[in-house]
Amino acid sequence: MRKLYFLSFLFLLFLSSCGAVINESISKTYSYLPIDAKIAILDVKHNVPANAEKLGIISFGDSGFSIDCDYYSNLSKARKRAREIGANIVKINQVTEPSIVSSCYRMNISFYKYDGDVSQLPQISLQQN
């Protein structure tokens, strides 16, 4: 009986550790952006416009057995979260590629609200989900 409890515990522990670790700190929100609103995704080398307002940050990590944590999945999740808080710029601050230690892309991203035309900013192309 003890063995069954132990195996059940290990199985539950394994299932709970399959998702990527996501930490966020949002300091301000605006109304939800509609699905047709443009959201610019700026790479590490791209600069955020000087008059953009920072709304918060999000980090994508790895729990050890994470799935669905590739580069574009993380960016899609960040874009979805940006839409929820009213941000129209997703700025990638740092990217750590998968390695022997982790199979996930670990990323640090900031959210900004910008009143200008985001389609004029240099950005990463990401397919609409």
N, C-alpha and C. Protein backbone atom coordinates (compact mmCIF):
# COMPACT_ATOMS: atom_id res chain seq x y z
N MET A 1 0.82 -1.20 0.00
CA MET A 1 0.00 0.00 0.00
C MET A 1 0.87 1.26 0.00
N ARG A 2 1.94 1.24 0.78
CA ARG A 2 2.83 2.39 0.82
C ARG A 2 3.45 2.64 -0.55
N LYS A 3 3.76 1.56 -1.23
CA LYS A 3 4.36 1.69 -2.55
C LYS A 3 3.39 2.37 -3.52
N LEU A 4 2.12 2.05 -3.43
CA LEU A 4 1.10 2.66 -4.27
C LEU A 4 1.00 4.17 -3.98
N TYR A 5 1.03 4.55 -2.72
CA TYR A 5 1.00 5.96 -2.35
C TYR A 5 2.23 6.69 -2.88
N PHE A 6 3.37 6.05 -2.73
CA PHE A 6 4.60 6.66 -3.21
C PHE A 6 4.58 6.85 -4.72
N LEU A 7 4.14 5.84 -5.46
CA LEU A 7 4.06 5.95 -6.91
C LEU A 7 3.04 7.00 -7.34
N SER A 8 1.93 7.08 -6.63
CA SER A 8 0.93 8.11 -6.93
C SER A 8 1.50 9.50 -6.69
N PHE A 9 2.24 9.64 -5.60
CA PHE A 9 2.87 10.93 -5.31
C PHE A 9 3.86 11.31 -6.40
N LEU A 10 4.69 10.39 -6.83
CA LEU A 10 5.66 10.67 -7.89
C LEU A 10 4.96 11.04 -9.20
N PHE A 11 3.88 10.35 -9.51
CA PHE A 11 3.13 10.63 -10.73
C PHE A 11 2.54 12.04 -10.69
N LEU A 12 1.95 12.41 -9.57
CA LEU A 12 1.39 13.76 -9.42
C LEU A 12 2.48 14.83 -9.46
N LEU A 13 3.61 14.54 -8.87
CA LEU A 13 4.73 15.47 -8.91
C LEU A 13 5.20 15.67 -10.34
N PHE A 14 5.29 14.59 -11.11
CA PHE A 14 5.70 14.67 -12.50
C PHE A 14 4.70 15.47 -13.33
N LEU A 15 3.41 15.24 -13.14
CA LEU A 15 2.39 15.98 -13.88
C LEU A 15 2.40 17.46 -13.56
N SER A 16 2.62 17.80 -12.32
CA SER A 16 2.58 19.21 -11.93
C SER A 16 3.82 19.96 -12.39
N SER A 17 4.87 19.26 -12.78
CA SER A 17 6.09 19.95 -13.19
C SER A 17 6.26 20.01 -14.70
N CYS A 18 5.22 19.71 -15.48
CA CYS A 18 5.33 19.71 -16.93
C CYS A 18 5.16 21.09 -17.55
N GLY A 19 4.61 22.03 -16.84
CA GLY A 19 4.40 23.37 -17.39
C GLY A 19 5.60 24.26 -17.15
N ALA A 20 5.78 25.21 -18.05
CA ALA A 20 6.85 26.18 -17.88
C ALA A 20 6.53 27.07 -16.69
N VAL A 21 7.57 27.57 -16.06
CA VAL A 21 7.41 28.48 -14.93
C VAL A 21 7.27 29.90 -15.48
N ILE A 22 6.18 30.56 -15.13
CA ILE A 22 5.92 31.92 -15.60
C ILE A 22 5.75 32.82 -14.38
N ASN A 23 6.60 33.84 -14.31
CA ASN A 23 6.51 34.84 -13.24
C ASN A 23 6.25 36.18 -13.88
N GLU A 24 5.36 36.95 -13.29
CA GLU A 24 5.08 38.28 -13.85
C GLU A 24 4.89 39.30 -12.74
N SER A 25 5.14 40.55 -13.10
CA SER A 25 4.91 41.67 -12.22
C SER A 25 4.32 42.79 -13.08
N ILE A 26 3.03 43.02 -12.91
CA ILE A 26 2.31 44.03 -13.69
C ILE A 26 2.01 45.20 -12.76
N SER A 27 2.48 46.40 -13.13
CA SER A 27 2.28 47.56 -12.27
C SER A 27 1.06 48.40 -12.68
N LYS A 28 0.63 48.29 -13.95
CA LYS A 28 -0.51 49.07 -14.42
C LYS A 28 -1.17 48.34 -15.57
N THR A 29 -2.49 48.45 -15.65
CA THR A 29 -3.22 47.83 -16.76
C THR A 29 -4.15 48.85 -17.41
N TYR A 30 -4.44 48.58 -18.67
CA TYR A 30 -5.41 49.34 -19.43
C TYR A 30 -6.47 48.37 -19.92
N SER A 31 -7.44 48.86 -20.67
CA SER A 31 -8.50 47.98 -21.15
C SER A 31 -7.95 46.98 -22.17
N TYR A 32 -8.60 45.85 -22.23
CA TYR A 32 -8.23 44.75 -23.11
C TYR A 32 -8.16 45.23 -24.56
N LEU A 33 -7.09 44.85 -25.27
CA LEU A 33 -6.97 45.23 -26.68
C LEU A 33 -7.73 44.24 -27.56
N PRO A 34 -8.49 44.72 -28.54
CA PRO A 34 -9.22 43.80 -29.43
C PRO A 34 -8.25 42.95 -30.25
N ILE A 35 -8.75 41.85 -30.76
CA ILE A 35 -7.94 40.88 -31.49
C ILE A 35 -7.28 41.49 -32.73
N ASP A 36 -7.89 42.52 -33.31
CA ASP A 36 -7.31 43.13 -34.52
C ASP A 36 -6.30 44.25 -34.20
N ALA A 37 -6.10 44.55 -32.93
CA ALA A 37 -5.12 45.58 -32.55
C ALA A 37 -3.71 45.05 -32.78
N LYS A 38 -2.87 45.89 -33.32
CA LYS A 38 -1.48 45.51 -33.59
C LYS A 38 -0.67 45.52 -32.30
N ILE A 39 0.12 44.46 -32.12
CA ILE A 39 1.04 44.37 -30.99
C ILE A 39 2.43 44.12 -31.57
N ALA A 40 3.34 45.05 -31.33
CA ALA A 40 4.71 44.92 -31.83
C ALA A 40 5.53 44.06 -30.88
N ILE A 41 6.32 43.16 -31.44
CA ILE A 41 7.24 42.35 -30.65
C ILE A 41 8.65 42.79 -31.01
N LEU A 42 9.31 43.44 -30.06
CA LEU A 42 10.64 43.98 -30.28
C LEU A 42 11.70 43.01 -29.77
N ASP A 43 12.70 42.77 -30.59
CA ASP A 43 13.81 41.90 -30.24
C ASP A 43 14.74 42.61 -29.25
N VAL A 44 15.70 41.88 -28.73
CA VAL A 44 16.67 42.43 -27.79
C VAL A 44 17.37 43.65 -28.39
N LYS A 45 17.69 43.60 -29.68
CA LYS A 45 18.44 44.68 -30.33
C LYS A 45 17.59 45.90 -30.68
N HIS A 46 16.25 45.76 -30.60
CA HIS A 46 15.36 46.88 -30.93
C HIS A 46 15.13 47.76 -29.70
N ASN A 47 15.01 49.06 -29.93
CA ASN A 47 14.76 50.01 -28.84
C ASN A 47 13.28 50.31 -28.70
N VAL A 48 12.85 50.51 -27.48
CA VAL A 48 11.49 50.91 -27.17
C VAL A 48 11.41 52.42 -27.37
N PRO A 49 10.33 52.94 -27.98
CA PRO A 49 10.19 54.39 -28.13
C PRO A 49 10.27 55.09 -26.77
N ALA A 50 10.88 56.27 -26.76
CA ALA A 50 11.13 57.01 -25.52
C ALA A 50 9.85 57.33 -24.75
N ASN A 51 8.74 57.56 -25.44
CA ASN A 51 7.51 57.95 -24.75
C ASN A 51 6.57 56.77 -24.46
N ALA A 52 7.06 55.54 -24.57
CA ALA A 52 6.24 54.36 -24.23
C ALA A 52 6.21 54.18 -22.71
N GLU A 53 5.07 53.76 -22.20
CA GLU A 53 4.88 53.57 -20.76
C GLU A 53 5.03 52.09 -20.41
N LYS A 54 5.93 51.79 -19.50
CA LYS A 54 6.16 50.40 -19.08
C LYS A 54 5.03 49.96 -18.14
N LEU A 55 4.42 48.80 -18.47
CA LEU A 55 3.31 48.30 -17.66
C LEU A 55 3.72 47.12 -16.78
N GLY A 56 4.78 46.42 -17.14
CA GLY A 56 5.19 45.30 -16.32
C GLY A 56 6.17 44.39 -17.05
N ILE A 57 6.49 43.28 -16.37
CA ILE A 57 7.42 42.30 -16.93
C ILE A 57 6.87 40.89 -16.75
N ILE A 58 7.39 39.98 -17.55
CA ILE A 58 7.05 38.57 -17.43
C ILE A 58 8.31 37.77 -17.73
N SER A 59 8.51 36.67 -17.02
CA SER A 59 9.64 35.79 -17.26
C SER A 59 9.14 34.38 -17.49
N PHE A 60 9.72 33.73 -18.47
CA PHE A 60 9.42 32.34 -18.76
C PHE A 60 10.63 31.52 -18.36
N GLY A 61 10.40 30.53 -17.51
CA GLY A 61 11.48 29.66 -17.04
C GLY A 61 11.16 28.21 -17.32
N ASP A 62 11.83 27.34 -16.61
CA ASP A 62 11.70 25.90 -16.82
C ASP A 62 11.60 25.21 -15.48
N SER A 63 10.67 24.28 -15.38
CA SER A 63 10.50 23.54 -14.13
C SER A 63 11.27 22.23 -14.13
N GLY A 64 11.94 21.92 -15.20
CA GLY A 64 12.70 20.68 -15.27
C GLY A 64 12.10 19.70 -16.25
N PHE A 65 10.79 19.65 -16.33
CA PHE A 65 10.10 18.75 -17.26
C PHE A 65 9.10 19.55 -18.10
N SER A 66 9.43 20.77 -18.41
CA SER A 66 8.49 21.66 -19.09
C SER A 66 8.28 21.30 -20.55
N ILE A 67 7.07 21.57 -21.00
CA ILE A 67 6.71 21.41 -22.40
C ILE A 67 6.09 22.71 -22.89
N ASP A 68 5.97 22.87 -24.19
CA ASP A 68 5.36 24.07 -24.78
C ASP A 68 6.08 25.34 -24.31
N CYS A 69 7.40 25.32 -24.42
CA CYS A 69 8.19 26.46 -23.97
C CYS A 69 9.24 26.84 -25.00
N ASP A 70 8.91 26.62 -26.27
CA ASP A 70 9.84 27.03 -27.32
C ASP A 70 9.73 28.55 -27.52
N TYR A 71 10.59 29.09 -28.35
CA TYR A 71 10.70 30.54 -28.56
C TYR A 71 9.36 31.15 -28.95
N TYR A 72 8.71 30.61 -29.97
CA TYR A 72 7.48 31.21 -30.48
C TYR A 72 6.28 30.95 -29.56
N SER A 73 6.27 29.86 -28.83
CA SER A 73 5.20 29.63 -27.85
C SER A 73 5.27 30.67 -26.74
N ASN A 74 6.48 30.94 -26.26
CA ASN A 74 6.64 31.97 -25.22
C ASN A 74 6.20 33.33 -25.72
N LEU A 75 6.58 33.67 -26.97
CA LEU A 75 6.18 34.96 -27.52
C LEU A 75 4.67 35.04 -27.72
N SER A 76 4.06 33.95 -28.13
CA SER A 76 2.59 33.93 -28.28
C SER A 76 1.90 34.14 -26.94
N LYS A 77 2.41 33.51 -25.89
CA LYS A 77 1.85 33.69 -24.55
C LYS A 77 2.04 35.14 -24.08
N ALA A 78 3.21 35.70 -24.38
CA ALA A 78 3.48 37.09 -23.98
C ALA A 78 2.55 38.05 -24.74
N ARG A 79 2.35 37.79 -26.02
CA ARG A 79 1.45 38.66 -26.80
C ARG A 79 0.02 38.58 -26.27
N LYS A 80 -0.41 37.38 -25.92
CA LYS A 80 -1.76 37.21 -25.36
C LYS A 80 -1.89 37.97 -24.04
N ARG A 81 -0.87 37.87 -23.20
CA ARG A 81 -0.91 38.57 -21.92
C ARG A 81 -0.87 40.08 -22.13
N ALA A 82 -0.09 40.54 -23.10
CA ALA A 82 -0.03 41.98 -23.42
C ALA A 82 -1.42 42.48 -23.80
N ARG A 83 -2.12 41.75 -24.62
CA ARG A 83 -3.48 42.12 -25.05
C ARG A 83 -4.39 42.25 -23.82
N GLU A 84 -4.24 41.33 -22.85
CA GLU A 84 -5.08 41.33 -21.65
C GLU A 84 -4.85 42.57 -20.78
N ILE A 85 -3.61 43.06 -20.75
CA ILE A 85 -3.32 44.21 -19.89
C ILE A 85 -3.30 45.54 -20.64
N GLY A 86 -3.57 45.50 -21.95
CA GLY A 86 -3.64 46.72 -22.73
C GLY A 86 -2.31 47.22 -23.27
N ALA A 87 -1.30 46.35 -23.30
CA ALA A 87 0.02 46.73 -23.81
C ALA A 87 0.08 46.44 -25.31
N ASN A 88 0.71 47.34 -26.07
CA ASN A 88 0.83 47.09 -27.51
C ASN A 88 2.28 46.93 -27.96
N ILE A 89 3.21 46.85 -26.99
CA ILE A 89 4.59 46.51 -27.29
C ILE A 89 5.04 45.41 -26.33
N VAL A 90 5.61 44.36 -26.89
CA VAL A 90 6.24 43.27 -26.14
C VAL A 90 7.73 43.37 -26.45
N LYS A 91 8.54 43.69 -25.45
CA LYS A 91 9.98 43.88 -25.64
C LYS A 91 10.75 42.74 -25.01
N ILE A 92 11.49 42.00 -25.83
CA ILE A 92 12.32 40.92 -25.32
C ILE A 92 13.59 41.54 -24.74
N ASN A 93 13.82 41.33 -23.45
CA ASN A 93 15.00 41.87 -22.78
C ASN A 93 16.16 40.89 -22.77
N GLN A 94 15.83 39.61 -22.60
CA GLN A 94 16.87 38.59 -22.48
C GLN A 94 16.32 37.25 -22.93
N VAL A 95 17.15 36.49 -23.65
CA VAL A 95 16.78 35.15 -24.10
C VAL A 95 17.93 34.21 -23.78
N THR A 96 17.61 33.08 -23.15
CA THR A 96 18.58 32.02 -22.92
C THR A 96 18.08 30.80 -23.69
N GLU A 97 18.89 30.34 -24.62
CA GLU A 97 18.49 29.22 -25.47
C GLU A 97 18.55 27.91 -24.70
N PRO A 98 17.82 26.89 -25.18
CA PRO A 98 17.87 25.57 -24.54
C PRO A 98 19.30 25.03 -24.50
N SER A 99 19.56 24.23 -23.49
CA SER A 99 20.88 23.64 -23.32
C SER A 99 20.73 22.27 -22.68
N ILE A 100 21.82 21.72 -22.24
CA ILE A 100 21.79 20.43 -21.54
C ILE A 100 20.99 20.57 -20.25
N VAL A 101 21.08 21.74 -19.62
CA VAL A 101 20.40 21.99 -18.35
C VAL A 101 18.90 22.16 -18.52
N SER A 102 18.46 22.79 -19.63
CA SER A 102 17.04 23.08 -19.83
C SER A 102 16.67 22.90 -21.30
N SER A 103 15.51 22.34 -21.54
CA SER A 103 15.03 22.16 -22.91
C SER A 103 14.17 23.34 -23.37
N CYS A 104 14.01 24.34 -22.51
CA CYS A 104 13.15 25.48 -22.80
C CYS A 104 13.95 26.73 -23.13
N TYR A 105 13.30 27.62 -23.87
CA TYR A 105 13.80 28.98 -24.02
C TYR A 105 13.39 29.72 -22.76
N ARG A 106 14.34 30.30 -22.08
CA ARG A 106 14.06 31.12 -20.91
C ARG A 106 14.15 32.57 -21.34
N MET A 107 13.10 33.34 -21.05
CA MET A 107 13.00 34.70 -21.57
C MET A 107 12.54 35.67 -20.50
N ASN A 108 13.04 36.89 -20.62
CA ASN A 108 12.59 38.00 -19.79
C ASN A 108 12.03 39.05 -20.74
N ILE A 109 10.78 39.44 -20.52
CA ILE A 109 10.04 40.30 -21.45
C ILE A 109 9.37 41.44 -20.69
N SER A 110 9.35 42.63 -21.30
CA SER A 110 8.64 43.78 -20.73
C SER A 110 7.45 44.15 -21.61
N PHE A 111 6.41 44.70 -20.96
CA PHE A 111 5.21 45.15 -21.67
C PHE A 111 5.15 46.69 -21.62
N TYR A 112 4.78 47.28 -22.77
CA TYR A 112 4.67 48.73 -22.86
C TYR A 112 3.38 49.13 -23.55
N LYS A 113 2.90 50.30 -23.18
CA LYS A 113 1.77 50.95 -23.87
C LYS A 113 2.36 52.12 -24.64
N TYR A 114 2.07 52.17 -25.94
CA TYR A 114 2.62 53.20 -26.82
C TYR A 114 1.48 53.82 -27.61
N ASP A 115 1.41 55.15 -27.63
CA ASP A 115 0.33 55.84 -28.32
C ASP A 115 0.59 56.05 -29.81
N GLY A 116 1.80 55.77 -30.25
CA GLY A 116 2.14 55.92 -31.66
C GLY A 116 1.74 54.70 -32.49
N ASP A 117 2.15 54.69 -33.74
CA ASP A 117 1.85 53.60 -34.67
C ASP A 117 2.89 52.49 -34.50
N VAL A 118 2.51 51.39 -33.86
CA VAL A 118 3.45 50.30 -33.61
C VAL A 118 3.88 49.59 -34.89
N SER A 119 3.11 49.71 -35.95
CA SER A 119 3.48 49.04 -37.20
C SER A 119 4.72 49.69 -37.82
N GLN A 120 5.10 50.88 -37.38
CA GLN A 120 6.28 51.57 -37.88
C GLN A 120 7.56 51.18 -37.13
N LEU A 121 7.42 50.39 -36.06
CA LEU A 121 8.58 49.99 -35.27
C LEU A 121 9.25 48.75 -35.88
N PRO A 122 10.59 48.65 -35.80
CA PRO A 122 11.25 47.41 -36.23
C PRO A 122 10.84 46.31 -35.27
N GLN A 123 10.49 45.14 -35.77
CA GLN A 123 9.95 44.10 -34.90
C GLN A 123 10.11 42.72 -35.49
N ILE A 124 9.88 41.74 -34.66
CA ILE A 124 9.90 40.34 -35.05
C ILE A 124 8.56 40.00 -35.68
N SER A 125 8.61 39.21 -36.73
CA SER A 125 7.37 38.75 -37.35
C SER A 125 6.90 37.50 -36.63
N LEU A 126 5.66 37.52 -36.18
CA LEU A 126 5.07 36.39 -35.46
C LEU A 126 3.71 36.12 -36.06
N GLN A 127 3.44 34.88 -36.45
CA GLN A 127 2.16 34.55 -37.05
C GLN A 127 1.04 34.77 -36.06
N GLN A 128 -0.11 35.27 -36.56
CA GLN A 128 -1.30 35.48 -35.72
C GLN A 128 -1.83 34.15 -35.25
N ASN A 129 -2.17 34.05 -33.97
CA ASN A 129 -2.79 32.84 -33.40
C ASN A 129 -4.26 33.08 -33.21
